Amino acid sequence: MLYVLHVDESRKMNIALITARGGSKGLPRKNILSLGGKPLIAWTIQAALKSNEVDRVYVSTEDLEIANISRDWGAEVIPRPASLAEDTTSSEAVVEHAIAYFSEKNLAFETIVLLQPTSPLRTCQHIDNAFELYRAKKANLVLGVFEPAHTPLKAYIELDDGSITGLFTPSAPYTRRQDLPRAFQPNGSLYIFGIDCFLKDKQIPRDKVVPFVMSEQESADIDTLDDLLAVERTLRELTHD
């Protein structure tokens, strides 16, 4: 489907898209649980609103309470059908639905920064720096990552016969870390990509992917109560520093 936008082409927007469905098995209602005195999703909304690169901030949700809280904190809301809020719904299906919504509203936009509400330590400065990297590298995708303490390149995979071999190469598990390429773990905090790249294959770009490296602490992803409590402790420590 071709999305035709009918606004002045001289100024295309960067849009922040925050995906926040109501269902969550690991930590029920996690997107609106209190963290540091405000709903979890508010941290991401505020980071996007304070970004110098983001023109408008949208939350895609099927949940009325999340929608109301998101509006209270300054975001616009994309009403998402329940069929796109299942456990098996992909982020890409939600992005495609959002693009269709923007097209219906005649919004001209060039780039999306996809933000998950469970990454509260990702700041407006991270978003701005990631956009700078996106332009400097002429990337198709800038992806938030961290470098884990233990490289995954030394891991093994199981073969059909039950034996194991090195995930990267057969010799990688026996190779010094410093002699292996750097490896990164995606942290889910941000994905920056052009709309044209997305629409070409209806997916987040897989080539010309550039890492935006964050610390492991900044990469905190809240999925359990322990995660929430750990970030609460981190926020207290940062406040007292």
C-alpha atoms as a PDB file:
ATOM      1  CA  MET A   1       0.000   0.000   0.000  1.00  0.00           C
ATOM      2  CA  LEU A   2       1.324   3.465  -0.898  1.00  0.00           C
ATOM      3  CA  TYR A   3       0.892   6.090   1.780  1.00  0.00           C
ATOM      4  CA  VAL A   4       0.517   9.556   0.232  1.00  0.00           C
ATOM      5  CA  LEU A   5       1.009  12.468   2.609  1.00  0.00           C
ATOM      6  CA  HIS A   6      -0.344  15.891   1.662  1.00  0.00           C
ATOM      7  CA  VAL A   7       1.631  18.344   3.791  1.00  0.00           C
ATOM      8  CA  ASP A   8       4.436  20.763   2.834  1.00  0.00           C
ATOM      9  CA  GLU A   9       7.306  18.547   1.719  1.00  0.00           C
ATOM     10  CA  SER A  10       9.875  21.124   2.874  1.00  0.00           C
ATOM     11  CA  ARG A  11       9.382  20.061   6.493  1.00  0.00           C
ATOM     12  CA  LYS A  12       8.961  16.395   7.188  1.00  0.00           C
ATOM     13  CA  MET A  13       8.656  15.412  10.813  1.00  0.00           C
ATOM     14  CA  ASN A  14      10.419  12.986  13.078  1.00  0.00           C
ATOM     15  CA  ILE A  15       7.782  11.140  15.042  1.00  0.00           C
ATOM     16  CA  ALA A  16       8.236   9.242  18.291  1.00  0.00           C
ATOM     17  CA  LEU A  17       6.061   6.138  18.419  1.00  0.00           C
ATOM     18  CA  ILE A  18       5.621   4.521  21.835  1.00  0.00           C
ATOM     19  CA  THR A  19       3.966   1.113  21.772  1.00  0.00           C
ATOM     20  CA  ALA A  20       2.076   0.264  24.965  1.00  0.00           C
ATOM     21  CA  ARG A  21      -0.522  -2.449  25.124  1.00  0.00           C
ATOM     22  CA  GLY A  22      -2.510  -3.173  28.255  1.00  0.00           C
ATOM     23  CA  GLY A  23      -1.708  -6.850  28.601  1.00  0.00           C
ATOM     24  CA  SER A  24       1.447  -8.021  30.341  1.00  0.00           C
ATOM     25  CA  LYS A  25       1.981 -11.473  31.818  1.00  0.00           C
ATOM     26  CA  GLY A  26       5.290 -10.946  33.592  1.00  0.00           C
ATOM     27  CA  LEU A  27       4.287  -7.763  35.400  1.00  0.00           C
ATOM     28  CA  PRO A  28       0.573  -6.921  35.035  1.00  0.00           C
ATOM     29  CA  ARG A  29      -0.191  -3.311  34.008  1.00  0.00           C
ATOM     30  CA  LYS A  30       3.535  -2.606  33.978  1.00  0.00           C
ATOM     31  CA  ASN A  31       3.323   0.316  31.538  1.00  0.00           C
ATOM     32  CA  ILE A  32       1.455   2.447  34.072  1.00  0.00           C
ATOM     33  CA  LEU A  33       2.934   1.196  37.345  1.00  0.00           C
ATOM     34  CA  SER A  34       4.500   3.890  39.488  1.00  0.00           C
ATOM     35  CA  LEU A  35       8.237   4.457  39.134  1.00  0.00           C
ATOM     36  CA  GLY A  36       9.878   7.365  40.907  1.00  0.00           C
ATOM     37  CA  GLY A  37       6.498   8.942  41.550  1.00  0.00           C
ATOM     38  CA  LYS A  38       5.077   8.794  38.028  1.00  0.00           C
ATOM     39  CA  PRO A  39       3.714   6.133  35.672  1.00  0.00           C
ATOM     40  CA  LEU A  40       6.376   4.065  33.933  1.00  0.00           C
ATOM     41  CA  ILE A  41       5.263   5.212  30.475  1.00  0.00           C
ATOM     42  CA  ALA A  42       5.633   8.860  31.532  1.00  0.00           C
ATOM     43  CA  TRP A  43       9.433   8.501  31.590  1.00  0.00           C
ATOM     44  CA  THR A  44       9.484   7.655  27.896  1.00  0.00           C
ATOM     45  CA  ILE A  45       6.861  10.255  26.953  1.00  0.00           C
ATOM     46  CA  GLN A  46       8.847  12.972  28.735  1.00  0.00           C
ATOM     47  CA  ALA A  47      12.129  11.894  27.126  1.00  0.00           C
ATOM     48  CA  ALA A  48      10.521  12.092  23.677  1.00  0.00           C
ATOM     49  CA  LEU A  49       8.862  15.451  24.370  1.00  0.00           C
ATOM     50  CA  LYS A  50      12.157  16.942  25.559  1.00  0.00           C
ATOM     51  CA  SER A  51      14.085  15.675  22.529  1.00  0.00           C
ATOM     52  CA  ASN A  52      15.225  18.368  20.112  1.00  0.00           C
ATOM     53  CA  GLU A  53      14.796  15.889  17.258  1.00  0.00           C
ATOM     54  CA  VAL A  54      11.209  14.744  17.872  1.00  0.00           C
ATOM     55  CA  ASP A  55       8.345  16.814  16.505  1.00  0.00           C
ATOM     56  CA  ARG A  56       5.373  14.831  17.784  1.00  0.00           C
ATOM     57  CA  VAL A  57       4.934  12.029  20.284  1.00  0.00           C
ATOM     58  CA  TYR A  58       2.361   9.282  19.847  1.00  0.00           C
ATOM     59  CA  VAL A  59       1.375   6.331  22.009  1.00  0.00           C
ATOM     60  CA  SER A  60      -0.199   3.365  20.236  1.00  0.00           C
ATOM     61  CA  THR A  61      -2.479   1.465  22.608  1.00  0.00           C
ATOM     62  CA  GLU A  62      -5.763  -0.435  22.825  1.00  0.00           C
ATOM     63  CA  ASP A  63      -6.055   0.310  26.537  1.00  0.00           C
ATOM     64  CA  LEU A  64      -8.259   3.219  27.683  1.00  0.00           C
ATOM     65  CA  GLU A  65      -6.383   3.802  30.951  1.00  0.00           C
ATOM     66  CA  ILE A  66      -3.012   3.876  29.194  1.00  0.00           C
ATOM     67  CA  ALA A  67      -4.470   6.248  26.606  1.00  0.00           C
ATOM     68  CA  ASN A  68      -5.764   8.647  29.256  1.00  0.00           C
ATOM     69  CA  ILE A  69      -2.514   8.611  31.225  1.00  0.00           C
ATOM     70  CA  SER A  70      -0.512   9.146  28.023  1.00  0.00           C
ATOM     71  CA  ARG A  71      -2.593  12.205  27.139  1.00  0.00           C
ATOM     72  CA  ASP A  72      -2.194  13.530  30.680  1.00  0.00           C
ATOM     73  CA  TRP A  73       1.580  13.418  30.215  1.00  0.00           C
ATOM     74  CA  GLY A  74       1.501  15.181  26.857  1.00  0.00           C
ATOM     75  CA  ALA A  75       1.394  12.446  24.228  1.00  0.00           C
ATOM     76  CA  GLU A  76      -1.083  12.022  21.403  1.00  0.00           C
ATOM     77  CA  VAL A  77      -2.790   8.644  21.147  1.00  0.00           C
ATOM     78  CA  ILE A  78      -3.276   6.228  18.263  1.00  0.00           C
ATOM     79  CA  PRO A  79      -6.264   3.974  19.051  1.00  0.00           C
ATOM     80  CA  ARG A  80      -5.028   0.460  18.367  1.00  0.00           C
ATOM     81  CA  PRO A  81      -7.467  -2.381  17.641  1.00  0.00           C
ATOM     82  CA  ALA A  82      -7.436  -5.239  20.139  1.00  0.00           C
ATOM     83  CA  SER A  83      -6.416  -7.584  17.323  1.00  0.00           C
ATOM     84  CA  LEU A  84      -3.052  -5.765  17.271  1.00  0.00           C
ATOM     85  CA  ALA A  85      -2.532  -6.047  21.021  1.00  0.00           C
ATOM     86  CA  GLU A  86      -2.145  -9.812  21.386  1.00  0.00           C
ATOM     87  CA  ASP A  87       0.888 -11.567  22.867  1.00  0.00           C
ATOM     88  CA  THR A  88       1.843 -12.656  19.356  1.00  0.00           C
ATOM     89  CA  THR A  89       1.468  -9.232  17.704  1.00  0.00           C
ATOM     90  CA  SER A  90       4.726  -8.019  16.203  1.00  0.00           C
ATOM     91  CA  SER A  91       6.061  -4.499  16.657  1.00  0.00           C
ATOM     92  CA  GLU A  92       6.164  -4.218  12.880  1.00  0.00           C
ATOM     93  CA  ALA A  93       2.413  -4.772  12.590  1.00  0.00           C
ATOM     94  CA  VAL A  94       1.893  -1.976  15.127  1.00  0.00           C
ATOM     95  CA  VAL A  95       4.231   0.330  13.193  1.00  0.00           C
ATOM     96  CA  GLU A  96       2.382  -0.375   9.950  1.00  0.00           C
ATOM     97  CA  HIS A  97      -0.930   0.428  11.633  1.00  0.00           C
ATOM     98  CA  ALA A  98       0.530   3.698  12.964  1.00  0.00           C
ATOM     99  CA  ILE A  99       1.786   4.678   9.506  1.00  0.00           C
ATOM    100  CA  ALA A 100      -1.691   4.131   8.085  1.00  0.00           C
ATOM    101  CA  TYR A 101      -3.103   6.309  10.878  1.00  0.00           C
ATOM    102  CA  PHE A 102      -0.608   9.097  10.094  1.00  0.00           C
ATOM    103  CA  SER A 103      -1.492   8.880   6.414  1.00  0.00           C
ATOM    104  CA  GLU A 104      -5.196   9.253   7.182  1.00  0.00           C
ATOM    105  CA  LYS A 105      -4.351  12.371   9.218  1.00  0.00           C
ATOM    106  CA  ASN A 106      -2.265  13.781   6.322  1.00  0.00           C
ATOM    107  CA  LEU A 107       0.879  13.994   8.443  1.00  0.00           C
ATOM    108  CA  ALA A 108       4.163  14.408   6.555  1.00  0.00           C
ATOM    109  CA  PHE A 109       6.910  12.542   8.324  1.00  0.00           C
ATOM    110  CA  GLU A 110      10.209  11.068   7.304  1.00  0.00           C
ATOM    111  CA  THR A 111      11.568   9.197  10.297  1.00  0.00           C
ATOM    112  CA  ILE A 112      10.191   7.209  13.206  1.00  0.00           C
ATOM    113  CA  VAL A 113      11.905   6.626  16.506  1.00  0.00           C
ATOM    114  CA  LEU A 114      10.256   3.579  18.034  1.00  0.00           C
ATOM    115  CA  LEU A 115      10.438   3.672  21.834  1.00  0.00           C
ATOM    116  CA  GLN A 116       9.379   1.020  24.313  1.00  0.00           C
ATOM    117  CA  PRO A 117       7.868   2.336  27.555  1.00  0.00           C
ATOM    118  CA  THR A 118       9.786  -0.211  29.624  1.00  0.00           C
ATOM    119  CA  SER A 119      13.117   1.610  29.089  1.00  0.00           C
ATOM    120  CA  PRO A 120      12.812   4.485  31.585  1.00  0.00           C
ATOM    121  CA  LEU A 121      16.536   5.299  31.777  1.00  0.00           C
ATOM    122  CA  ARG A 122      16.730   6.184  28.079  1.00  0.00           C
ATOM    123  CA  THR A 123      16.782   9.994  28.032  1.00  0.00           C
ATOM    124  CA  CYS A 124      16.131  12.813  25.579  1.00  0.00           C
ATOM    125  CA  GLN A 125      19.907  13.112  25.166  1.00  0.00           C
ATOM    126  CA  HIS A 126      20.107   9.484  24.076  1.00  0.00           C
ATOM    127  CA  ILE A 127      17.397  10.126  21.486  1.00  0.00           C
ATOM    128  CA  ASP A 128      19.113  13.262  20.179  1.00  0.00           C
ATOM    129  CA  ASN A 129      22.518  11.581  19.970  1.00  0.00           C
ATOM    130  CA  ALA A 130      21.011   8.564  18.216  1.00  0.00           C
ATOM    131  CA  PHE A 131      19.455  10.836  15.570  1.00  0.00           C
ATOM    132  CA  GLU A 132      22.845  12.498  15.033  1.00  0.00           C
ATOM    133  CA  LEU A 133      24.364   9.046  14.508  1.00  0.00           C
ATOM    134  CA  TYR A 134      21.553   8.082  12.133  1.00  0.00           C
ATOM    135  CA  ARG A 135      22.315  11.059   9.897  1.00  0.00           C
ATOM    136  CA  ALA A 136      26.107  10.868  10.190  1.00  0.00           C
ATOM    137  CA  LYS A 137      26.224   7.188   9.228  1.00  0.00           C
ATOM    138  CA  LYS A 138      23.408   7.433   6.652  1.00  0.00           C
ATOM    139  CA  ALA A 139      21.996   4.376   8.388  1.00  0.00           C
ATOM    140  CA  ASN A 140      18.825   2.509   7.533  1.00  0.00           C
ATOM    141  CA  LEU A 141      18.432   1.740  11.236  1.00  0.00           C
ATOM    142  CA  VAL A 142      19.991   2.962  14.453  1.00  0.00           C
ATOM    143  CA  LEU A 143      19.451   0.438  17.212  1.00  0.00           C
ATOM    144  CA  GLY A 144      19.885   0.902  20.966  1.00  0.00           C
ATOM    145  CA  VAL A 145      22.343  -1.686  22.316  1.00  0.00           C
ATOM    146  CA  PHE A 146      24.743  -2.432  25.135  1.00  0.00           C
ATOM    147  CA  GLU A 147      27.932  -4.455  25.176  1.00  0.00           C
ATOM    148  CA  PRO A 148      27.427  -7.359  27.601  1.00  0.00           C
ATOM    149  CA  ALA A 149      30.135  -8.252  30.091  1.00  0.00           C
ATOM    150  CA  HIS A 150      30.283 -11.780  28.671  1.00  0.00           C
ATOM    151  CA  THR A 151      30.414 -11.818  24.887  1.00  0.00           C
ATOM    152  CA  PRO A 152      27.795 -14.056  23.218  1.00  0.00           C
ATOM    153  CA  LEU A 153      30.399 -14.945  20.588  1.00  0.00           C
ATOM    154  CA  LYS A 154      31.877 -17.478  23.017  1.00  0.00           C
ATOM    155  CA  ALA A 155      28.545 -19.306  23.321  1.00  0.00           C
ATOM    156  CA  TYR A 156      27.684 -22.700  21.829  1.00  0.00           C
ATOM    157  CA  ILE A 157      24.725 -23.930  19.783  1.00  0.00           C
ATOM    158  CA  GLU A 158      23.351 -27.452  19.684  1.00  0.00           C
ATOM    159  CA  LEU A 159      23.516 -29.415  16.434  1.00  0.00           C
ATOM    160  CA  ASP A 160      20.968 -31.968  15.206  1.00  0.00           C
ATOM    161  CA  ASP A 161      23.050 -34.863  16.532  1.00  0.00           C
ATOM    162  CA  GLY A 162      23.079 -33.418  20.049  1.00  0.00           C
ATOM    163  CA  SER A 163      26.647 -32.165  19.934  1.00  0.00           C
ATOM    164  CA  ILE A 164      27.558 -28.494  20.331  1.00  0.00           C
ATOM    165  CA  THR A 165      29.753 -26.108  18.395  1.00  0.00           C
ATOM    166  CA  GLY A 166      30.725 -22.484  18.672  1.00  0.00           C
ATOM    167  CA  LEU A 167      27.921 -20.043  17.870  1.00  0.00           C
ATOM    168  CA  PHE A 168      30.218 -17.666  15.953  1.00  0.00           C
ATOM    169  CA  THR A 169      32.899 -20.090  14.771  1.00  0.00           C
ATOM    170  CA  PRO A 170      33.969 -23.516  16.083  1.00  0.00           C
ATOM    171  CA  SER A 171      37.078 -21.924  17.611  1.00  0.00           C
ATOM    172  CA  ALA A 172      35.425 -18.813  19.081  1.00  0.00           C
ATOM    173  CA  PRO A 173      34.705 -20.342  22.540  1.00  0.00           C
ATOM    174  CA  TYR A 174      38.458 -20.971  22.915  1.00  0.00           C
ATOM    175  CA  THR A 175      39.533 -17.540  21.634  1.00  0.00           C
ATOM    176  CA  ARG A 176      40.443 -14.577  23.819  1.00  0.00           C
ATOM    177  CA  ARG A 177      37.636 -12.040  24.037  1.00  0.00           C
ATOM    178  CA  GLN A 178      39.899  -9.239  22.816  1.00  0.00           C
ATOM    179  CA  ASP A 179      40.610 -11.233  19.641  1.00  0.00           C
ATOM    180  CA  LEU A 180      36.917 -11.507  18.771  1.00  0.00           C
ATOM    181  CA  PRO A 181      34.740  -8.800  17.177  1.00  0.00           C
ATOM    182  CA  ARG A 182      32.699  -6.621  19.522  1.00  0.00           C
ATOM    183  CA  ALA A 183      29.236  -8.050  20.088  1.00  0.00           C
ATOM    184  CA  PHE A 184      26.163  -6.156  21.219  1.00  0.00           C
ATOM    185  CA  GLN A 185      22.859  -7.005  22.868  1.00  0.00           C
ATOM    186  CA  PRO A 186      19.799  -5.014  21.733  1.00  0.00           C
ATOM    187  CA  ASN A 187      18.203  -3.237  24.674  1.00  0.00           C
ATOM    188  CA  GLY A 188      14.881  -2.294  23.056  1.00  0.00           C
ATOM    189  CA  SER A 189      15.240   1.340  24.087  1.00  0.00           C
ATOM    190  CA  LEU A 190      15.122   2.907  20.625  1.00  0.00           C
ATOM    191  CA  TYR A 191      14.907   2.107  16.921  1.00  0.00           C
ATOM    192  CA  ILE A 192      15.316   4.944  14.398  1.00  0.00           C
ATOM    193  CA  PHE A 193      14.413   4.273  10.774  1.00  0.00           C
ATOM    194  CA  GLY A 194      13.052   6.032   7.721  1.00  0.00           C
ATOM    195  CA  ILE A 195       9.489   5.390   6.728  1.00  0.00           C
ATOM    196  CA  ASP A 196      10.455   4.588   3.132  1.00  0.00           C
ATOM    197  CA  CYS A 197      12.851   1.878   4.326  1.00  0.00           C
ATOM    198  CA  PHE A 198      10.150   0.365   6.498  1.00  0.00           C
ATOM    199  CA  LEU A 199       7.487   0.345   3.807  1.00  0.00           C
ATOM    200  CA  LYS A 200       9.771  -1.306   1.251  1.00  0.00           C
ATOM    201  CA  ASP A 201       9.557  -4.674   3.031  1.00  0.00           C
ATOM    202  CA  LYS A 202       6.997  -3.859   5.753  1.00  0.00           C
ATOM    203  CA  GLN A 203       9.660  -4.434   8.377  1.00  0.00           C
ATOM    204  CA  ILE A 204      12.282  -2.692  10.470  1.00  0.00           C
ATOM    205  CA  PRO A 205      15.387  -2.504   8.231  1.00  0.00           C
ATOM    206  CA  ARG A 206      17.815  -5.427   8.446  1.00  0.00           C
ATOM    207  CA  ASP A 207      20.741  -3.855   6.566  1.00  0.00           C
ATOM    208  CA  LYS A 208      22.921  -0.803   7.260  1.00  0.00           C
ATOM    209  CA  VAL A 209      22.134  -1.186  10.953  1.00  0.00           C
ATOM    210  CA  VAL A 210      24.252   1.048  13.200  1.00  0.00           C
ATOM    211  CA  PRO A 211      24.510   0.449  16.963  1.00  0.00           C
ATOM    212  CA  PHE A 212      23.824   3.238  19.427  1.00  0.00           C
ATOM    213  CA  VAL A 213      25.801   2.002  22.410  1.00  0.00           C
ATOM    214  CA  MET A 214      24.436   2.637  25.892  1.00  0.00           C
ATOM    215  CA  SER A 215      25.643   1.410  29.266  1.00  0.00           C
ATOM    216  CA  GLU A 216      24.126  -1.713  30.743  1.00  0.00           C
ATOM    217  CA  GLN A 217      22.562   0.411  33.502  1.00  0.00           C
ATOM    218  CA  GLU A 218      20.981   2.795  30.994  1.00  0.00           C
ATOM    219  CA  SER A 219      19.679  -0.234  29.100  1.00  0.00           C
ATOM    220  CA  ALA A 220      17.458  -1.405  31.948  1.00  0.00           C
ATOM    221  CA  ASP A 221      14.295  -3.053  30.582  1.00  0.00           C
ATOM    222  CA  ILE A 222      11.425  -3.519  33.018  1.00  0.00           C
ATOM    223  CA  ASP A 223       9.705  -6.854  32.592  1.00  0.00           C
ATOM    224  CA  THR A 224       9.415  -8.123  36.170  1.00  0.00           C
ATOM    225  CA  LEU A 225       8.853  -6.686  39.638  1.00  0.00           C
ATOM    226  CA  ASP A 226      12.550  -7.212  40.388  1.00  0.00           C
ATOM    227  CA  ASP A 227      13.414  -5.098  37.337  1.00  0.00           C
ATOM    228  CA  LEU A 228      11.109  -2.328  38.556  1.00  0.00           C
ATOM    229  CA  LEU A 229      12.605  -2.358  42.058  1.00  0.00           C
ATOM    230  CA  ALA A 230      16.148  -2.346  40.647  1.00  0.00           C
ATOM    231  CA  VAL A 231      15.451   0.734  38.520  1.00  0.00           C
ATOM    232  CA  GLU A 232      13.774   2.407  41.501  1.00  0.00           C
ATOM    233  CA  ARG A 233      17.025   1.883  43.429  1.00  0.00           C
ATOM    234  CA  THR A 234      19.049   3.238  40.519  1.00  0.00           C
ATOM    235  CA  LEU A 235      16.905   6.373  40.354  1.00  0.00           C
ATOM    236  CA  ARG A 236      17.407   6.971  44.080  1.00  0.00           C
ATOM    237  CA  GLU A 237      21.162   6.600  43.666  1.00  0.00           C
ATOM    238  CA  LEU A 238      21.227   9.006  40.718  1.00  0.00           C
ATOM    239  CA  THR A 239      19.177  11.540  42.690  1.00  0.00           C
ATOM    240  CA  HIS A 240      21.591  11.395  45.633  1.00  0.00           C
ATOM    241  CA  ASP A 241      24.735  11.666  43.516  1.00  0.00           C
END
